[in-house]
């Protein structure tokens, strides 16, 4: 009998480190996006939590093309 492989459920929220890992970036662009308002965080006390849907929406709004040398990041 073959037992189906179980996968972990999709998290409903990520801490800053988890959000960075989920999109394959360092924590610094995530912190910058939260501080400039392009990524919404909710707070449990002082701990920022980023919802899965918000992180996915932010990711999907990143540019599709590479930046030209010297061009500022979004």
Protein backbone atom coordinates (compact mmCIF):
# COMPACT_ATOMS: atom_id res chain seq x y z
CA UNK A 1 0.00 0.00 0.00
CA UNK A 2 1.36 3.41 -0.95
CA UNK A 3 0.81 6.10 1.64
CA UNK A 4 0.37 9.60 0.17
CA UNK A 5 2.98 12.09 1.22
CA UNK A 6 1.66 14.72 3.59
CA UNK A 7 2.67 18.32 3.13
CA UNK A 8 2.62 21.08 5.68
CA UNK A 9 -0.29 23.50 5.36
CA UNK A 10 0.41 26.95 3.94
CA UNK A 11 1.07 29.35 6.82
CA UNK A 12 -1.48 32.11 7.30
CA UNK A 13 1.27 34.52 8.37
CA UNK A 14 5.05 34.84 8.50
CA UNK A 15 7.44 36.63 10.79
CA UNK A 16 10.02 38.78 8.98
CA UNK A 17 12.52 35.93 8.67
CA UNK A 18 9.85 33.55 7.38
CA UNK A 19 8.61 36.08 4.83
CA UNK A 20 12.16 36.59 3.58
CA UNK A 21 12.71 32.85 3.24
CA UNK A 22 9.35 32.39 1.49
CA UNK A 23 10.26 34.85 -1.28
CA UNK A 24 13.98 34.03 -1.41
CA UNK A 25 15.28 37.40 -0.26
CA UNK A 26 17.15 38.68 2.77
CA UNK A 27 15.21 40.26 5.60
CA UNK A 28 16.25 43.80 4.59
CA UNK A 29 13.95 44.20 1.54
CA UNK A 30 11.07 42.84 3.64
CA UNK A 31 11.74 45.37 6.42
CA UNK A 32 12.03 48.16 3.85
CA UNK A 33 8.74 47.18 2.21
CA UNK A 34 7.00 47.19 5.60
CA UNK A 35 8.51 50.55 6.57
CA UNK A 36 7.58 52.24 3.27
CA UNK A 37 4.07 50.79 3.33
CA UNK A 38 4.29 48.61 0.22
CA UNK A 39 3.93 45.48 2.38
CA UNK A 40 1.39 45.44 5.21
CA UNK A 41 2.28 43.88 8.55
CA UNK A 42 0.00 43.16 11.47
CA UNK A 43 1.42 43.11 14.97
CA UNK A 44 1.17 40.66 17.85
CA UNK A 45 2.52 42.92 20.55
CA UNK A 46 5.69 44.21 18.95
CA UNK A 47 6.18 41.26 16.59
CA UNK A 48 5.35 42.05 12.94
CA UNK A 49 3.46 39.33 11.09
CA UNK A 50 2.89 39.38 7.36
CA UNK A 51 -0.15 37.59 6.01
CA UNK A 52 0.34 35.01 3.28
CA UNK A 53 -2.00 36.83 0.88
CA UNK A 54 -0.26 40.18 1.49
CA UNK A 55 3.16 38.64 0.88
CA UNK A 56 1.96 36.97 -2.30
CA UNK A 57 0.40 40.21 -3.58
CA UNK A 58 3.61 42.15 -2.83
CA UNK A 59 5.68 39.51 -4.62
CA UNK A 60 3.38 39.51 -7.66
CA UNK A 61 3.78 43.29 -7.94
CA UNK A 62 7.58 43.14 -8.15
CA UNK A 63 8.96 44.05 -11.60
CA UNK A 64 9.21 41.30 -14.20
CA UNK A 65 12.39 42.74 -15.71
CA UNK A 66 15.85 43.12 -14.21
CA UNK A 67 16.91 46.61 -13.25
CA UNK A 68 19.36 48.49 -15.44
CA UNK A 69 22.69 49.31 -13.76
CA UNK A 70 22.21 52.28 -11.44
CA UNK A 71 18.40 52.11 -11.55
CA UNK A 72 16.82 52.31 -8.06
CA UNK A 73 14.98 49.29 -6.66
CA UNK A 74 11.22 49.51 -6.10
